[in-house]
Protein backbone atom coordinates (compact mmCIF):
# COMPACT_ATOMS: atom_id res chain seq x y z
CA UNK A 1 0.00 0.00 0.00
CA UNK A 2 1.43 3.37 -0.90
CA UNK A 3 1.46 6.47 1.27
CA UNK A 4 -1.05 8.30 -0.92
CA UNK A 5 -3.71 5.64 -0.50
CA UNK A 6 -3.23 5.70 3.29
CA UNK A 7 -3.74 9.44 3.34
CA UNK A 8 -6.85 9.18 1.15
CA UNK A 9 -8.27 6.49 3.42
CA UNK A 10 -7.65 8.59 6.54
CA UNK A 11 -9.29 11.66 5.03
CA UNK A 12 -12.39 9.90 3.70
CA UNK A 13 -12.86 7.70 6.77
CA UNK A 14 -13.85 10.64 8.96
CA UNK A 15 -16.02 12.55 6.51
CA UNK A 16 -19.67 11.47 6.39
CA UNK A 17 -20.73 10.51 2.87
CA UNK A 18 -17.24 11.15 1.53
CA UNK A 19 -16.40 9.67 -1.83
CA UNK A 20 -12.98 9.19 -3.31
CA UNK A 21 -12.43 9.34 -7.03
CA UNK A 22 -8.94 9.07 -8.45
CA UNK A 23 -8.73 10.14 -12.07
CA UNK A 24 -6.06 8.02 -13.77
CA UNK A 25 -3.19 10.27 -14.79
CA UNK A 26 -5.02 13.18 -13.23
CA UNK A 27 -3.27 16.27 -11.97
CA UNK A 28 -4.52 19.60 -10.69
CA UNK A 29 -5.40 20.28 -14.32
CA UNK A 30 -7.87 17.36 -14.52
CA UNK A 31 -10.88 19.72 -14.71
CA UNK A 32 -9.37 21.13 -17.90
CA UNK A 33 -7.44 18.25 -19.44
CA UNK A 34 -9.93 15.49 -18.56
CA UNK A 35 -13.04 17.61 -18.41
CA UNK A 36 -15.50 14.93 -19.58
CA UNK A 37 -14.56 12.46 -16.84
CA UNK A 38 -14.22 15.20 -14.25
CA UNK A 39 -17.64 16.67 -15.05
CA UNK A 40 -19.34 13.25 -15.10
CA UNK A 41 -17.85 12.48 -11.70
CA UNK A 42 -18.90 15.79 -10.15
CA UNK A 43 -22.40 15.57 -11.65
CA UNK A 44 -22.83 12.04 -10.32
CA UNK A 45 -21.73 13.18 -6.86
CA UNK A 46 -24.15 16.10 -6.89
CA UNK A 47 -27.15 14.25 -8.35
CA UNK A 48 -27.08 10.72 -6.95
CA UNK A 49 -27.61 9.91 -3.30
CA UNK A 50 -24.73 8.01 -1.79
CA UNK A 51 -24.47 6.02 1.39
CA UNK A 52 -21.51 4.04 2.56
CA UNK A 53 -22.28 0.71 4.21
CA UNK A 54 -20.08 1.70 7.16
CA UNK A 55 -21.51 5.22 7.50
CA UNK A 56 -23.77 6.28 10.33
CA UNK A 57 -25.21 9.04 8.14
C-alpha atoms as a PDB file:
ATOM      1  CA  UNK A   1       0.000   0.000   0.000  1.00  0.00           C
ATOM      2  CA  UNK A   2       1.426   3.366  -0.900  1.00  0.00           C
ATOM      3  CA  UNK A   3       1.462   6.465   1.266  1.00  0.00           C
ATOM      4  CA  UNK A   4      -1.049   8.305  -0.919  1.00  0.00           C
ATOM      5  CA  UNK A   5      -3.713   5.639  -0.500  1.00  0.00           C
ATOM      6  CA  UNK A   6      -3.230   5.696   3.286  1.00  0.00           C
ATOM      7  CA  UNK A   7      -3.745   9.443   3.337  1.00  0.00           C
ATOM      8  CA  UNK A   8      -6.845   9.181   1.150  1.00  0.00           C
ATOM      9  CA  UNK A   9      -8.272   6.487   3.423  1.00  0.00           C
ATOM     10  CA  UNK A  10      -7.653   8.595   6.540  1.00  0.00           C
ATOM     11  CA  UNK A  11      -9.292  11.657   5.026  1.00  0.00           C
ATOM     12  CA  UNK A  12     -12.393   9.903   3.696  1.00  0.00           C
ATOM     13  CA  UNK A  13     -12.861   7.697   6.766  1.00  0.00           C
ATOM     14  CA  UNK A  14     -13.850  10.640   8.961  1.00  0.00           C
ATOM     15  CA  UNK A  15     -16.024  12.548   6.506  1.00  0.00           C
ATOM     16  CA  UNK A  16     -19.674  11.474   6.387  1.00  0.00           C
ATOM     17  CA  UNK A  17     -20.732  10.512   2.871  1.00  0.00           C
ATOM     18  CA  UNK A  18     -17.239  11.148   1.529  1.00  0.00           C
ATOM     19  CA  UNK A  19     -16.398   9.666  -1.829  1.00  0.00           C
ATOM     20  CA  UNK A  20     -12.980   9.191  -3.315  1.00  0.00           C
ATOM     21  CA  UNK A  21     -12.432   9.339  -7.033  1.00  0.00           C
ATOM     22  CA  UNK A  22      -8.943   9.069  -8.452  1.00  0.00           C
ATOM     23  CA  UNK A  23      -8.727  10.142 -12.073  1.00  0.00           C
ATOM     24  CA  UNK A  24      -6.061   8.023 -13.767  1.00  0.00           C
ATOM     25  CA  UNK A  25      -3.191  10.274 -14.791  1.00  0.00           C
ATOM     26  CA  UNK A  26      -5.022  13.178 -13.231  1.00  0.00           C
ATOM     27  CA  UNK A  27      -3.271  16.267 -11.968  1.00  0.00           C
ATOM     28  CA  UNK A  28      -4.517  19.601 -10.686  1.00  0.00           C
ATOM     29  CA  UNK A  29      -5.399  20.279 -14.316  1.00  0.00           C
ATOM     30  CA  UNK A  30      -7.868  17.363 -14.521  1.00  0.00           C
ATOM     31  CA  UNK A  31     -10.879  19.716 -14.713  1.00  0.00           C
ATOM     32  CA  UNK A  32      -9.375  21.125 -17.903  1.00  0.00           C
ATOM     33  CA  UNK A  33      -7.445  18.248 -19.439  1.00  0.00           C
ATOM     34  CA  UNK A  34      -9.929  15.493 -18.559  1.00  0.00           C
ATOM     35  CA  UNK A  35     -13.042  17.610 -18.411  1.00  0.00           C
ATOM     36  CA  UNK A  36     -15.503  14.927 -19.578  1.00  0.00           C
ATOM     37  CA  UNK A  37     -14.556  12.458 -16.842  1.00  0.00           C
ATOM     38  CA  UNK A  38     -14.221  15.203 -14.250  1.00  0.00           C
ATOM     39  CA  UNK A  39     -17.639  16.673 -15.055  1.00  0.00           C
ATOM     40  CA  UNK A  40     -19.338  13.250 -15.102  1.00  0.00           C
ATOM     41  CA  UNK A  41     -17.847  12.481 -11.696  1.00  0.00           C
ATOM     42  CA  UNK A  42     -18.903  15.793 -10.154  1.00  0.00           C
ATOM     43  CA  UNK A  43     -22.401  15.572 -11.654  1.00  0.00           C
ATOM     44  CA  UNK A  44     -22.830  12.044 -10.320  1.00  0.00           C
ATOM     45  CA  UNK A  45     -21.733  13.179  -6.859  1.00  0.00           C
ATOM     46  CA  UNK A  46     -24.153  16.099  -6.886  1.00  0.00           C
ATOM     47  CA  UNK A  47     -27.146  14.253  -8.346  1.00  0.00           C
ATOM     48  CA  UNK A  48     -27.085  10.725  -6.952  1.00  0.00           C
ATOM     49  CA  UNK A  49     -27.615   9.909  -3.302  1.00  0.00           C
ATOM     50  CA  UNK A  50     -24.727   8.012  -1.790  1.00  0.00           C
ATOM     51  CA  UNK A  51     -24.470   6.025   1.392  1.00  0.00           C
ATOM     52  CA  UNK A  52     -21.511   4.038   2.563  1.00  0.00           C
ATOM     53  CA  UNK A  53     -22.281   0.715   4.209  1.00  0.00           C
ATOM     54  CA  UNK A  54     -20.084   1.705   7.163  1.00  0.00           C
ATOM     55  CA  UNK A  55     -21.506   5.220   7.496  1.00  0.00           C
ATOM     56  CA  UNK A  56     -23.771   6.279  10.331  1.00  0.00           C
ATOM     57  CA  UNK A  57     -25.213   9.036   8.140  1.00  0.00           C
END
